PDB file of N, CA and C in Angstrom:
ATOM      1  N   MET A   1       3.244  -4.920 -25.121  1.00  0.00           N
ATOM      2  CA  MET A   1       2.698  -5.439 -24.216  1.00  0.00           C
ATOM      3  C   MET A   1       1.333  -4.533 -23.576  1.00  0.00           C
ATOM      4  N   ALA A   2       0.232  -4.980 -24.162  1.00  0.00           N
ATOM      5  CA  ALA A   2      -0.591  -4.021 -23.535  1.00  0.00           C
ATOM      6  C   ALA A   2      -0.909  -3.579 -22.147  1.00  0.00           C
ATOM      7  N   ASN A   3      -1.130  -2.736 -21.630  1.00  0.00           N
ATOM      8  CA  ASN A   3      -1.352  -2.583 -20.288  1.00  0.00           C
ATOM      9  C   ASN A   3      -2.895  -2.674 -20.236  1.00  0.00           C
ATOM     10  N   THR A   4      -3.296  -3.455 -19.222  1.00  0.00           N
ATOM     11  CA  THR A   4      -4.651  -3.499 -19.166  1.00  0.00           C
ATOM     12  C   THR A   4      -4.887  -2.894 -17.757  1.00  0.00           C
ATOM     13  N   ILE A   5      -5.922  -2.186 -17.814  1.00  0.00           N
ATOM     14  CA  ILE A   5      -6.809  -1.772 -16.410  1.00  0.00           C
ATOM     15  C   ILE A   5      -7.771  -2.583 -16.051  1.00  0.00           C
ATOM     16  N   LYS A   6      -7.989  -3.253 -14.419  1.00  0.00           N
ATOM     17  CA  LYS A   6      -8.570  -3.706 -13.910  1.00  0.00           C
ATOM     18  C   LYS A   6      -9.276  -2.978 -13.172  1.00  0.00           C
ATOM     19  N   SER A   7     -10.657  -3.628 -13.001  1.00  0.00           N
ATOM     20  CA  SER A   7     -11.606  -2.867 -12.129  1.00  0.00           C
ATOM     21  C   SER A   7     -11.855  -3.272 -10.905  1.00  0.00           C
ATOM     22  N   THR A   8     -12.503  -2.634  -9.559  1.00  0.00           N
ATOM     23  CA  THR A   8     -11.882  -2.656  -8.693  1.00  0.00           C
ATOM     24  C   THR A   8     -12.477  -4.073  -8.110  1.00  0.00           C
ATOM     25  N   SER A   9     -13.754  -4.840  -8.897  1.00  0.00           N
ATOM     26  CA  SER A   9     -13.811  -6.309  -8.538  1.00  0.00           C
ATOM     27  C   SER A   9     -12.557  -6.910  -8.922  1.00  0.00           C
ATOM     28  N   ASP A  10     -12.016  -6.647 -10.054  1.00  0.00           N
ATOM     29  CA  ASP A  10     -10.732  -7.985 -10.024  1.00  0.00           C
ATOM     30  C   ASP A  10      -9.678  -7.611  -8.823  1.00  0.00           C
ATOM     31  N   TYR A  11      -9.549  -6.065  -8.706  1.00  0.00           N
ATOM     32  CA  TYR A  11      -8.502  -6.494  -7.332  1.00  0.00           C
ATOM     33  C   TYR A  11      -9.276  -6.778  -6.350  1.00  0.00           C
ATOM     34  N   GLU A  12     -10.347  -6.929  -6.348  1.00  0.00           N
ATOM     35  CA  GLU A  12     -11.199  -7.420  -4.509  1.00  0.00           C
ATOM     36  C   GLU A  12     -10.737  -8.892  -5.257  1.00  0.00           C
ATOM     37  N   ILE A  13     -10.849  -9.603  -5.904  1.00  0.00           N
ATOM     38  CA  ILE A  13     -10.606 -11.026  -6.597  1.00  0.00           C
ATOM     39  C   ILE A  13      -9.663 -11.134  -6.205  1.00  0.00           C
ATOM     40  N   MET A  14      -8.445 -10.418  -6.302  1.00  0.00           N
ATOM     41  CA  MET A  14      -7.139 -10.798  -7.156  1.00  0.00           C
ATOM     42  C   MET A  14      -6.717 -10.572  -5.336  1.00  0.00           C
ATOM     43  N   ILE A  15      -6.995  -9.510  -4.155  1.00  0.00           N
ATOM     44  CA  ILE A  15      -6.580  -9.578  -3.158  1.00  0.00           C
ATOM     45  C   ILE A  15      -6.915 -10.918  -2.354  1.00  0.00           C
ATOM     46  N   GLY A  16      -8.551 -10.908  -2.247  1.00  0.00           N
ATOM     47  CA  GLY A  16      -9.444 -12.003  -1.937  1.00  0.00           C
ATOM     48  C   GLY A  16      -8.565 -13.592  -2.308  1.00  0.00           C
ATOM     49  N   GLU A  17      -8.060 -13.942  -3.143  1.00  0.00           N
ATOM     50  CA  GLU A  17      -7.538 -15.254  -3.674  1.00  0.00           C
ATOM     51  C   GLU A  17      -5.813 -14.914  -3.098  1.00  0.00           C
ATOM     52  N   GLN A  18      -5.219 -13.679  -2.852  1.00  0.00           N
ATOM     53  CA  GLN A  18      -3.956 -13.703  -2.094  1.00  0.00           C
ATOM     54  C   GLN A  18      -4.256 -14.182  -0.835  1.00  0.00           C
ATOM     55  N   ILE A  19      -5.219 -13.769   0.029  1.00  0.00           N
ATOM     56  CA  ILE A  19      -5.767 -14.141   1.313  1.00  0.00           C
ATOM     57  C   ILE A  19      -5.554 -15.358   1.584  1.00  0.00           C
ATOM     58  N   ARG A  20      -6.594 -15.949   0.484  1.00  0.00           N
ATOM     59  CA  ARG A  20      -7.290 -17.422   1.360  1.00  0.00           C
ATOM     60  C   ARG A  20      -5.898 -18.389   0.704  1.00  0.00           C
ATOM     61  N   ARG A  21      -4.869 -18.112  -0.021  1.00  0.00           N
ATOM     62  CA  ARG A  21      -3.746 -18.948  -0.545  1.00  0.00           C
ATOM     63  C   ARG A  21      -3.284 -19.005   0.786  1.00  0.00           C
ATOM     64  N   LEU A  22      -2.943 -17.188   1.317  1.00  0.00           N
ATOM     65  CA  LEU A  22      -2.189 -17.274   2.512  1.00  0.00           C
ATOM     66  C   LEU A  22      -3.111 -17.939   4.085  1.00  0.00           C
ATOM     67  N   ARG A  23      -3.886 -17.919   4.032  1.00  0.00           N
ATOM     68  CA  ARG A  23      -4.388 -18.592   5.001  1.00  0.00           C
ATOM     69  C   ARG A  23      -4.609 -20.521   4.853  1.00  0.00           C
ATOM     70  N   ILE A  24      -4.582 -20.784   3.525  1.00  0.00           N
ATOM     71  CA  ILE A  24      -4.289 -22.400   3.445  1.00  0.00           C
ATOM     72  C   ILE A  24      -3.167 -22.668   3.882  1.00  0.00           C
ATOM     73  N   SER A  25      -1.700 -21.794   3.657  1.00  0.00           N
ATOM     74  CA  SER A  25      -0.564 -21.967   3.660  1.00  0.00           C
ATOM     75  C   SER A  25      -0.275 -22.186   5.501  1.00  0.00           C
ATOM     76  N   TYR A  26      -1.209 -21.449   5.754  1.00  0.00           N
ATOM     77  CA  TYR A  26      -0.451 -21.801   7.265  1.00  0.00           C
ATOM     78  C   TYR A  26      -1.833 -22.657   8.041  1.00  0.00           C
ATOM     79  N   GLY A  27      -2.356 -23.278   7.274  1.00  0.00           N
ATOM     80  CA  GLY A  27      -3.313 -24.607   7.820  1.00  0.00           C
ATOM     81  C   GLY A  27      -4.574 -24.470   8.539  1.00  0.00           C
ATOM     82  N   ILE A  28      -5.388 -23.292   8.409  1.00  0.00           N
ATOM     83  CA  ILE A  28      -6.087 -22.839   8.849  1.00  0.00           C
ATOM     84  C   ILE A  28      -7.633 -22.460   8.048  1.00  0.00           C
ATOM     85  N   ASP A  29      -8.657 -22.379   9.214  1.00  0.00           N
ATOM     86  CA  ASP A  29      -9.968 -22.690   7.851  1.00  0.00           C
ATOM     87  C   ASP A  29     -10.590 -21.670   8.325  1.00  0.00           C
ATOM     88  N   GLN A  30     -11.506 -21.301   7.569  1.00  0.00           N
ATOM     89  CA  GLN A  30     -12.152 -19.473   7.419  1.00  0.00           C
ATOM     90  C   GLN A  30     -12.425 -19.394   8.741  1.00  0.00           C
ATOM     91  N   LEU A  31     -13.160 -20.173   9.421  1.00  0.00           N
ATOM     92  CA  LEU A  31     -13.768 -20.174  11.166  1.00  0.00           C
ATOM     93  C   LEU A  31     -12.370 -19.541  12.186  1.00  0.00           C
ATOM     94  N   GLN A  32     -11.270 -20.522  11.687  1.00  0.00           N
ATOM     95  CA  GLN A  32     -10.518 -20.644  12.901  1.00  0.00           C
ATOM     96  C   GLN A  32     -10.164 -18.633  12.394  1.00  0.00           C
ATOM     97  N   LEU A  33      -9.516 -18.296  11.084  1.00  0.00           N
ATOM     98  CA  LEU A  33      -8.733 -17.202  10.797  1.00  0.00           C
ATOM     99  C   LEU A  33     -10.007 -16.012  11.740  1.00  0.00           C
ATOM    100  N   ALA A  34     -11.332 -16.260  11.407  1.00  0.00           N
ATOM    101  CA  ALA A  34     -12.010 -15.335  12.113  1.00  0.00           C
ATOM    102  C   ALA A  34     -12.371 -14.852  13.123  1.00  0.00           C
ATOM    103  N   SER A  35     -11.931 -16.398  13.892  1.00  0.00           N
ATOM    104  CA  SER A  35     -11.875 -16.297  15.677  1.00  0.00           C
ATOM    105  C   SER A  35     -10.605 -15.511  15.988  1.00  0.00           C
ATOM    106  N   ALA A  36      -9.431 -15.941  15.085  1.00  0.00           N
ATOM    107  CA  ALA A  36      -8.459 -15.294  15.557  1.00  0.00           C
ATOM    108  C   ALA A  36      -8.121 -13.856  14.960  1.00  0.00           C
ATOM    109  N   ALA A  37      -8.950 -13.657  13.939  1.00  0.00           N
ATOM    110  CA  ALA A  37      -8.883 -11.759  13.765  1.00  0.00           C
ATOM    111  C   ALA A  37      -9.977 -10.854  14.238  1.00  0.00           C
ATOM    112  N   ASN A  38     -10.806 -12.112  15.221  1.00  0.00           N
ATOM    113  CA  ASN A  38     -11.525 -11.650  15.837  1.00  0.00           C
ATOM    114  C   ASN A  38     -12.372 -10.555  15.085  1.00  0.00           C
ATOM    115  N   ILE A  39     -12.938 -11.417  14.147  1.00  0.00           N
ATOM    116  CA  ILE A  39     -14.091 -11.214  13.143  1.00  0.00           C
ATOM    117  C   ILE A  39     -14.547 -11.882  12.467  1.00  0.00           C
ATOM    118  N   SER A  40     -16.058 -11.217  11.696  1.00  0.00           N
ATOM    119  CA  SER A  40     -17.018 -12.570  11.786  1.00  0.00           C
ATOM    120  C   SER A  40     -16.662 -13.660  10.130  1.00  0.00           C
ATOM    121  N   VAL A  41     -16.881 -15.156  10.445  1.00  0.00           N
ATOM    122  CA  VAL A  41     -16.602 -15.830   9.218  1.00  0.00           C
ATOM    123  C   VAL A  41     -17.261 -15.305   7.938  1.00  0.00           C
ATOM    124  N   GLY A  42     -18.491 -14.441   7.903  1.00  0.00           N
ATOM    125  CA  GLY A  42     -19.116 -13.590   6.832  1.00  0.00           C
ATOM    126  C   GLY A  42     -17.944 -12.688   6.377  1.00  0.00           C
ATOM    127  N   ALA A  43     -17.410 -11.991   7.047  1.00  0.00           N
ATOM    128  CA  ALA A  43     -16.317 -11.018   6.768  1.00  0.00           C
ATOM    129  C   ALA A  43     -14.513 -12.078   6.046  1.00  0.00           C
ATOM    130  N   VAL A  44     -14.581 -12.799   6.244  1.00  0.00           N
ATOM    131  CA  VAL A  44     -13.690 -13.631   5.694  1.00  0.00           C
ATOM    132  C   VAL A  44     -13.532 -14.223   4.597  1.00  0.00           C
ATOM    133  N   LYS A  45     -15.249 -14.739   4.543  1.00  0.00           N
ATOM    134  CA  LYS A  45     -15.712 -15.216   3.042  1.00  0.00           C
ATOM    135  C   LYS A  45     -15.857 -14.141   2.158  1.00  0.00           C
ATOM    136  N   ASN A  46     -16.205 -12.689   2.667  1.00  0.00           N
ATOM    137  CA  ASN A  46     -16.183 -11.961   1.875  1.00  0.00           C
ATOM    138  C   ASN A  46     -15.255 -11.077   0.978  1.00  0.00           C
ATOM    139  N   LEU A  47     -14.345 -11.707   2.149  1.00  0.00           N
ATOM    140  CA  LEU A  47     -13.033 -11.008   1.912  1.00  0.00           C
ATOM    141  C   LEU A  47     -12.225 -11.707   0.579  1.00  0.00           C
ATOM    142  N   GLU A  48     -12.422 -13.107   0.917  1.00  0.00           N
ATOM    143  CA  GLU A  48     -11.582 -14.283   0.026  1.00  0.00           C
ATOM    144  C   GLU A  48     -12.385 -14.229  -0.751  1.00  0.00           C
ATOM    145  N   GLY A  49     -14.110 -14.120  -1.106  1.00  0.00           N
ATOM    146  CA  GLY A  49     -14.739 -14.472  -2.317  1.00  0.00           C
ATOM    147  C   GLY A  49     -14.006 -13.259  -3.403  1.00  0.00           C
ATOM    148  N   GLY A  50     -13.882 -11.806  -2.801  1.00  0.00           N
ATOM    149  CA  GLY A  50     -13.806 -10.555  -3.772  1.00  0.00           C
ATOM    150  C   GLY A  50     -14.899  -9.869  -3.828  1.00  0.00           C
ATOM    151  N   LYS A  51     -16.240 -10.475  -2.778  1.00  0.00           N
ATOM    152  CA  LYS A  51     -16.979  -9.872  -2.718  1.00  0.00           C
ATOM    153  C   LYS A  51     -17.300  -8.562  -1.804  1.00  0.00           C
ATOM    154  N   GLY A  52     -15.622  -7.857  -1.218  1.00  0.00           N
ATOM    155  CA  GLY A  52     -16.069  -6.635  -0.741  1.00  0.00           C
ATOM    156  C   GLY A  52     -15.950  -6.339   1.029  1.00  0.00           C
ATOM    157  N   SER A  53     -15.212  -6.022   1.312  1.00  0.00           N
ATOM    158  CA  SER A  53     -14.806  -6.198   2.944  1.00  0.00           C
ATOM    159  C   SER A  53     -14.425  -4.868   3.347  1.00  0.00           C
ATOM    160  N   SER A  54     -14.240  -4.403   4.717  1.00  0.00           N
ATOM    161  CA  SER A  54     -13.785  -3.344   5.345  1.00  0.00           C
ATOM    162  C   SER A  54     -12.313  -2.800   5.328  1.00  0.00           C
ATOM    163  N   LEU A  55     -12.015  -2.347   5.239  1.00  0.00           N
ATOM    164  CA  LEU A  55     -10.251  -1.995   5.697  1.00  0.00           C
ATOM    165  C   LEU A  55      -9.930  -2.466   6.351  1.00  0.00           C
ATOM    166  N   LYS A  56     -10.541  -2.374   7.678  1.00  0.00           N
ATOM    167  CA  LYS A  56     -10.425  -2.690   9.382  1.00  0.00           C
ATOM    168  C   LYS A  56     -10.394  -4.471   8.862  1.00  0.00           C
ATOM    169  N   SER A  57     -11.273  -5.182   8.814  1.00  0.00           N
ATOM    170  CA  SER A  57     -11.213  -6.534   7.897  1.00  0.00           C
ATOM    171  C   SER A  57     -10.106  -7.120   7.625  1.00  0.00           C
ATOM    172  N   LEU A  58      -9.673  -6.288   6.899  1.00  0.00           N
ATOM    173  CA  LEU A  58      -8.446  -6.432   5.567  1.00  0.00           C
ATOM    174  C   LEU A  58      -7.291  -6.713   6.513  1.00  0.00           C
ATOM    175  N   ILE A  59      -7.592  -5.387   7.367  1.00  0.00           N
ATOM    176  CA  ILE A  59      -5.960  -4.868   8.037  1.00  0.00           C
ATOM    177  C   ILE A  59      -5.685  -6.821   9.385  1.00  0.00           C
ATOM    178  N   MET A  60      -6.743  -6.546  10.041  1.00  0.00           N
ATOM    179  CA  MET A  60      -6.909  -7.365  11.114  1.00  0.00           C
ATOM    180  C   MET A  60      -6.636  -8.735  10.772  1.00  0.00           C
ATOM    181  N   VAL A  61      -7.191  -9.222   9.120  1.00  0.00           N
ATOM    182  CA  VAL A  61      -6.801 -10.519   8.875  1.00  0.00           C
ATOM    183  C   VAL A  61      -4.963 -10.712   8.339  1.00  0.00           C
ATOM    184  N   LEU A  62      -4.790  -9.455   7.534  1.00  0.00           N
ATOM    185  CA  LEU A  62      -3.359  -9.399   7.466  1.00  0.00           C
ATOM    186  C   LEU A  62      -2.465  -9.677   8.629  1.00  0.00           C
ATOM    187  N   ARG A  63      -2.693  -9.012   9.679  1.00  0.00           N
ATOM    188  CA  ARG A  63      -2.298  -9.264  11.063  1.00  0.00           C
ATOM    189  C   ARG A  63      -2.096 -10.480  11.181  1.00  0.00           C
ATOM    190  N   THR A  64      -3.244 -10.954  11.449  1.00  0.00           N
ATOM    191  CA  THR A  64      -3.147 -12.496  12.469  1.00  0.00           C
ATOM    192  C   THR A  64      -2.554 -13.975  11.125  1.00  0.00           C
ATOM    193  N   LEU A  65      -2.135 -13.165   9.867  1.00  0.00           N
ATOM    194  CA  LEU A  65      -1.668 -14.163   8.675  1.00  0.00           C
ATOM    195  C   LEU A  65      -0.095 -13.655   8.661  1.00  0.00           C
ATOM    196  N   LYS A  66       0.180 -12.380   9.844  1.00  0.00           N
ATOM    197  CA  LYS A  66       1.742 -12.028  10.007  1.00  0.00           C
ATOM    198  C   LYS A  66       2.074 -11.422   8.793  1.00  0.00           C
ATOM    199  N   ALA A  67       1.132 -10.997   7.865  1.00  0.00           N
ATOM    200  CA  ALA A  67       1.395 -10.438   6.547  1.00  0.00           C
ATOM    201  C   ALA A  67       1.027  -8.944   6.460  1.00  0.00           C
ATOM    202  N   GLU A  68       1.489  -8.302   7.647  1.00  0.00           N
ATOM    203  CA  GLU A  68       0.933  -7.198   7.896  1.00  0.00           C
ATOM    204  C   GLU A  68       2.117  -6.252   6.799  1.00  0.00           C
ATOM    205  N   GLN A  69       3.247  -6.666   7.083  1.00  0.00           N
ATOM    206  CA  GLN A  69       4.477  -6.011   5.740  1.00  0.00           C
ATOM    207  C   GLN A  69       3.621  -5.617   4.396  1.00  0.00           C
ATOM    208  N   TRP A  70       2.820  -6.468   4.148  1.00  0.00           N
ATOM    209  CA  TRP A  70       1.807  -6.266   2.571  1.00  0.00           C
ATOM    210  C   TRP A  70       1.436  -4.508   2.459  1.00  0.00           C
ATOM    211  N   LEU A  71       0.928  -4.291   3.953  1.00  0.00           N
ATOM    212  CA  LEU A  71       0.367  -2.757   3.383  1.00  0.00           C
ATOM    213  C   LEU A  71       1.372  -1.467   4.029  1.00  0.00           C
ATOM    214  N   ASN A  72       2.035  -1.980   4.049  1.00  0.00           N
ATOM    215  CA  ASN A  72       3.451  -1.231   3.886  1.00  0.00           C
ATOM    216  C   ASN A  72       3.938  -1.030   2.554  1.00  0.00           C
ATOM    217  N   THR A  73       3.535  -1.804   1.388  1.00  0.00           N
ATOM    218  CA  THR A  73       4.038  -1.950  -0.388  1.00  0.00           C
ATOM    219  C   THR A  73       2.831  -0.487  -0.735  1.00  0.00           C
ATOM    220  N   LEU A  74       1.760  -0.557  -0.236  1.00  0.00           N
ATOM    221  CA  LEU A  74       0.482   0.463  -0.670  1.00  0.00           C
ATOM    222  C   LEU A  74       1.394   1.602  -1.047  1.00  0.00           C
ATOM    223  N   SER A  75       2.320   2.211   0.047  1.00  0.00           N
ATOM    224  CA  SER A  75       2.741   3.500   0.361  1.00  0.00           C
ATOM    225  C   SER A  75       4.144   3.930   0.844  1.00  0.00           C
ATOM    226  N   PRO A  76       5.125   3.165   0.082  1.00  0.00           N
ATOM    227  CA  PRO A  76       6.558   3.009   0.762  1.00  0.00           C
ATOM    228  C   PRO A  76       7.312   4.629   0.968  1.00  0.00           C
ATOM    229  N   GLU A  77       7.719   4.112   1.897  1.00  0.00           N
ATOM    230  CA  GLU A  77       8.755   5.595   2.308  1.00  0.00           C
ATOM    231  C   GLU A  77       9.380   6.101   1.455  1.00  0.00           C
ATOM    232  N   THR A  78       9.454   7.356   1.557  1.00  0.00           N
ATOM    233  CA  THR A  78      10.256   7.713   0.247  1.00  0.00           C
ATOM    234  C   THR A  78      11.828   8.017   1.010  1.00  0.00           C
ATOM    235  N   SER A  79      12.730   7.837   0.261  1.00  0.00           N
ATOM    236  CA  SER A  79      13.859   7.959   1.583  1.00  0.00           C
ATOM    237  C   SER A  79      14.670   9.321   0.820  1.00  0.00           C
ATOM    238  N   VAL A  80      14.711   9.530  -0.367  1.00  0.00           N
ATOM    239  CA  VAL A  80      15.034  11.294  -0.826  1.00  0.00           C
ATOM    240  C   VAL A  80      13.703  12.359  -1.046  1.00  0.00           C
ATOM    241  N   SER A  81      13.798  13.552  -0.556  1.00  0.00           N
ATOM    242  CA  SER A  81      12.163  14.396  -0.604  1.00  0.00           C
ATOM    243  C   SER A  81      12.787  15.475  -1.914  1.00  0.00           C
ATOM    244  N   PRO A  82      12.058  15.342  -3.242  1.00  0.00           N
ATOM    245  CA  PRO A  82      12.285  16.080  -4.456  1.00  0.00           C
ATOM    246  C   PRO A  82      12.674  17.469  -3.960  1.00  0.00           C
ATOM    247  N   MET A  83      11.855  17.792  -2.836  1.00  0.00           N
ATOM    248  CA  MET A  83      11.896  19.390  -2.605  1.00  0.00           C
ATOM    249  C   MET A  83      12.929  19.812  -1.881  1.00  0.00           C
ATOM    250  N   GLN A  84      13.539  19.024  -1.244  1.00  0.00           N
ATOM    251  CA  GLN A  84      14.892  18.920  -0.242  1.00  0.00           C
ATOM    252  C   GLN A  84      16.207  18.932  -1.299  1.00  0.00           C
ATOM    253  N   ILE A  85      15.573  18.295  -2.384  1.00  0.00           N
ATOM    254  CA  ILE A  85      16.934  18.068  -3.436  1.00  0.00           C
ATOM    255  C   ILE A  85      16.854  19.790  -4.242  1.00  0.00           C
ATOM    256  N   LEU A  86      15.729  20.494  -4.667  1.00  0.00           N
ATOM    257  CA  LEU A  86      15.824  21.579  -5.231  1.00  0.00           C
ATOM    258  C   LEU A  86      16.434  22.136  -3.833  1.00  0.00           C
ATOM    259  N   ARG A  87      16.205  22.678  -2.895  1.00  0.00           N
ATOM    260  CA  ARG A  87      16.838  23.130  -1.737  1.00  0.00           C
ATOM    261  C   ARG A  87      18.504  23.549  -1.891  1.00  0.00           C
ATOM    262  N   ASP A  88      18.921  21.631  -2.432  1.00  0.00           N
ATOM    263  CA  ASP A  88      20.320  21.585  -1.760  1.00  0.00           C
ATOM    264  C   ASP A  88      20.904  22.536  -3.034  1.00  0.00           C
ATOM    265  N   LEU A  89      19.914  22.006  -3.965  1.00  0.00           N
ATOM    266  CA  LEU A  89      20.715  22.642  -5.691  1.00  0.00           C
ATOM    267  C   LEU A  89      20.819  24.186  -5.475  1.00  0.00           C
ATOM    268  N   LYS A  90      19.511  24.734  -4.310  1.00  0.00           N
ATOM    269  CA  LYS A  90      19.943  26.078  -4.225  1.00  0.00           C
ATOM    270  C   LYS A  90      21.119  26.665  -3.675  1.00  0.00           C
ATOM    271  N   LEU A  91      21.150  25.825  -2.714  1.00  0.00           N
ATOM    272  CA  LEU A  91      22.391  26.513  -1.733  1.00  0.00           C
ATOM    273  C   LEU A  91      23.706  25.789  -2.288  1.00  0.00           C
ATOM    274  N   LYS A  92      24.282  25.206  -3.430  1.00  0.00           N
ATOM    275  CA  LYS A  92      25.065  24.779  -3.608  1.00  0.00           C
ATOM    276  C   LYS A  92      25.703  25.841  -4.905  1.00  0.00           C
ATOM    277  N   GLU A  93      24.583  26.624  -5.361  1.00  0.00           N
ATOM    278  CA  GLU A  93      24.912  27.027  -6.941  1.00  0.00           C
ATOM    279  C   GLU A  93      25.526  28.518  -6.007  1.00  0.00           C
ATOM    280  N   PRO A  94      26.136  28.971  -7.391  1.00  0.00           N
ATOM    281  CA  PRO A  94      26.995  30.447  -6.088  1.00  0.00           C
ATOM    282  C   PRO A  94      26.249  31.404  -6.848  1.00  0.00           C
ATOM    283  N   ARG A  95      25.712  32.648  -6.025  1.00  0.00           N
ATOM    284  CA  ARG A  95      24.983  33.454  -6.694  1.00  0.00           C
ATOM    285  C   ARG A  95      25.777  34.134  -7.526  1.00  0.00           C
ATOM    286  N   SER A  96      24.913  35.000  -8.076  1.00  0.00           N
ATOM    287  CA  SER A  96      25.371  35.423  -9.699  1.00  0.00           C
ATOM    288  C   SER A  96      24.746  36.825  -9.125  1.00  0.00           C
ATOM    289  N   ARG A  97      26.268  37.883  -9.480  1.00  0.00           N
ATOM    290  CA  ARG A  97      25.813  39.469  -9.361  1.00  0.00           C
ATOM    291  C   ARG A  97      25.158  39.679 -10.721  1.00  0.00           C
ATOM    292  N   VAL A  98      24.537  40.581 -11.009  1.00  0.00           N
ATOM    293  CA  VAL A  98      23.901  41.401 -12.134  1.00  0.00           C
ATOM    294  C   VAL A  98      24.479  42.810 -11.552  1.00  0.00           C
ATOM    295  N   SER A  99      25.427  42.960 -12.809  1.00  0.00           N
ATOM    296  CA  SER A  99      25.978  44.473 -12.991  1.00  0.00           C
ATOM    297  C   SER A  99      25.565  45.368 -14.077  1.00  0.00           C
ATOM    298  N   ARG A 100      25.066  46.583 -13.697  1.00  0.00           N
ATOM    299  CA  ARG A 100      24.742  47.522 -14.229  1.00  0.00           C
ATOM    300  C   ARG A 100      25.278  48.798 -14.529  1.00  0.00           C
ATOM    301  N   SER A 101      25.396  49.315 -15.459  1.00  0.00           N
ATOM    302  CA  SER A 101      26.511  50.572 -15.473  1.00  0.00           C
ATOM    303  C   SER A 101      25.400  51.677 -14.429  1.00  0.00           C
ATOM    304  N   ARG A 102      26.340  52.370 -13.618  1.00  0.00           N
ATOM    305  CA  ARG A 102      26.153  53.775 -12.825  1.00  0.00           C
ATOM    306  C   ARG A 102      26.178  55.188 -13.985  1.00  0.00           C
ATOM    307  N   ASN A 103      25.390  55.470 -14.023  1.00  0.00           N
ATOM    308  CA  ASN A 103      24.677  57.031 -14.717  1.00  0.00           C
ATOM    309  C   ASN A 103      25.181  57.966 -13.390  1.00  0.00           C
ATOM    310  N   VAL A 104      26.316  58.525 -13.804  1.00  0.00           N
ATOM    311  CA  VAL A 104      27.058  59.334 -12.603  1.00  0.00           C
ATOM    312  C   VAL A 104      27.342  60.647 -13.088  1.00  0.00           C
TER     313      VAL A 104
END
Protein backbone atom coordinates (compact mmCIF):
# COMPACT_ATOMS: atom_id res chain seq x y z
CA MET A 1 0.00 0.00 0.00
CA ALA A 2 1.56 3.26 -1.12
CA ASN A 3 1.74 6.20 1.22
CA THR A 4 0.30 9.27 -0.44
CA ILE A 5 1.12 12.71 0.81
CA LYS A 6 -1.85 15.03 0.89
CA SER A 7 -1.56 18.71 0.15
CA THR A 8 -2.86 21.45 2.38
CA SER A 9 -5.74 21.91 -0.06
CA ASP A 10 -6.59 18.22 0.21
CA TYR A 11 -6.83 18.52 3.99
CA GLU A 12 -8.92 21.69 3.75
CA ILE A 13 -11.36 19.92 1.43
CA MET A 14 -11.46 16.82 3.64
CA ILE A 15 -12.17 18.86 6.80
CA GLY A 16 -14.75 20.95 4.96
CA GLU A 17 -16.59 17.85 3.81
CA GLN A 18 -16.63 16.49 7.36
CA ILE A 19 -18.01 19.76 8.71
CA ARG A 20 -20.68 19.81 5.98
CA ARG A 21 -21.77 16.22 6.74
CA LEU A 22 -21.94 17.02 10.44
CA ARG A 23 -24.00 20.16 9.80
CA ILE A 24 -26.40 18.24 7.56
CA SER A 25 -26.74 15.50 10.20
CA TYR A 26 -27.98 18.21 12.58
CA GLY A 27 -30.49 19.29 9.96
CA ILE A 28 -29.39 22.90 9.81
CA ASP A 29 -28.38 25.08 6.89
CA GLN A 30 -25.27 27.24 6.58
CA LEU A 31 -27.10 30.38 7.70
CA GLN A 32 -28.32 28.69 10.88
CA LEU A 33 -24.85 27.33 11.63
CA ALA A 34 -23.24 30.72 11.04
CA SER A 35 -25.75 32.42 13.32
CA ALA A 36 -25.35 29.81 16.09
CA ALA A 37 -21.53 29.92 15.84
CA ASN A 38 -21.53 33.73 15.68
CA ILE A 39 -19.53 33.82 12.43
CA SER A 40 -20.37 34.95 8.91
CA VAL A 41 -22.10 32.74 6.36
CA GLY A 42 -19.08 33.34 4.13
CA ALA A 43 -16.82 31.81 6.77
CA VAL A 44 -19.04 28.70 6.90
CA LYS A 45 -19.06 28.48 3.09
CA ASN A 46 -15.27 28.85 2.94
CA LEU A 47 -14.79 26.25 5.65
CA GLU A 48 -17.10 23.71 4.03
CA GLY A 49 -15.76 24.45 0.56
CA GLY A 50 -12.14 23.88 1.59
CA LYS A 51 -11.25 27.43 0.64
CA GLY A 52 -9.55 28.25 3.89
CA SER A 53 -10.92 29.61 7.10
CA SER A 54 -9.56 30.84 10.37
CA LEU A 55 -8.78 28.48 13.19
CA LYS A 56 -11.14 30.52 15.34
CA SER A 57 -14.02 29.90 12.90
CA LEU A 58 -13.26 26.18 12.84
CA ILE A 59 -13.30 25.98 16.63
CA MET A 60 -16.53 27.96 16.90
CA VAL A 61 -18.21 25.71 14.33
CA LEU A 62 -16.99 22.54 16.05
CA ARG A 63 -18.29 23.81 19.39
CA THR A 64 -21.66 24.66 17.86
CA LEU A 65 -21.88 21.20 16.28
CA LYS A 66 -20.86 19.60 19.59
CA ALA A 67 -17.78 18.10 17.93
CA GLU A 68 -15.16 19.82 20.06
CA GLN A 69 -13.68 16.44 21.05
CA TRP A 70 -12.33 16.25 17.49
CA LEU A 71 -9.76 18.89 18.50
CA ASN A 72 -8.40 16.57 21.19
CA THR A 73 -7.40 14.05 18.53
CA LEU A 74 -4.94 16.57 17.08
CA SER A 75 -2.67 16.32 20.09
CA PRO A 76 -3.63 13.52 22.42
CA GLU A 77 -2.33 13.69 25.96
CA THR A 78 0.49 11.29 26.69
CA SER A 79 -0.07 9.09 29.67
CA VAL A 80 3.57 8.08 29.97
CA SER A 81 6.48 10.46 29.77
CA PRO A 82 9.57 9.01 28.04
CA MET A 83 11.76 11.12 30.32
CA GLN A 84 10.03 9.73 33.42
CA ILE A 85 10.66 6.18 32.18
CA LEU A 86 14.38 6.94 31.88
CA ARG A 87 14.45 8.47 35.36
CA ASP A 88 12.66 5.45 36.80
CA LEU A 89 15.12 3.06 35.16
CA LYS A 90 18.07 4.92 36.62
CA LEU A 91 16.58 4.73 40.09
CA LYS A 92 16.00 0.98 39.86
CA GLU A 93 19.46 0.06 38.63
CA PRO A 94 21.86 -0.76 41.42
CA ARG A 95 24.85 1.50 41.61
CA SER A 96 27.99 -0.17 40.49
CA ARG A 97 31.30 0.39 42.15
CA VAL A 98 34.51 0.66 40.33
CA SER A 99 37.38 -1.00 42.06
CA ARG A 100 40.83 0.43 41.76
CA SER A 101 43.99 -0.99 42.99
CA ARG A 102 45.66 1.09 45.64
CA ASN A 103 49.29 1.76 45.60
CA VAL A 104 50.49 1.84 49.18
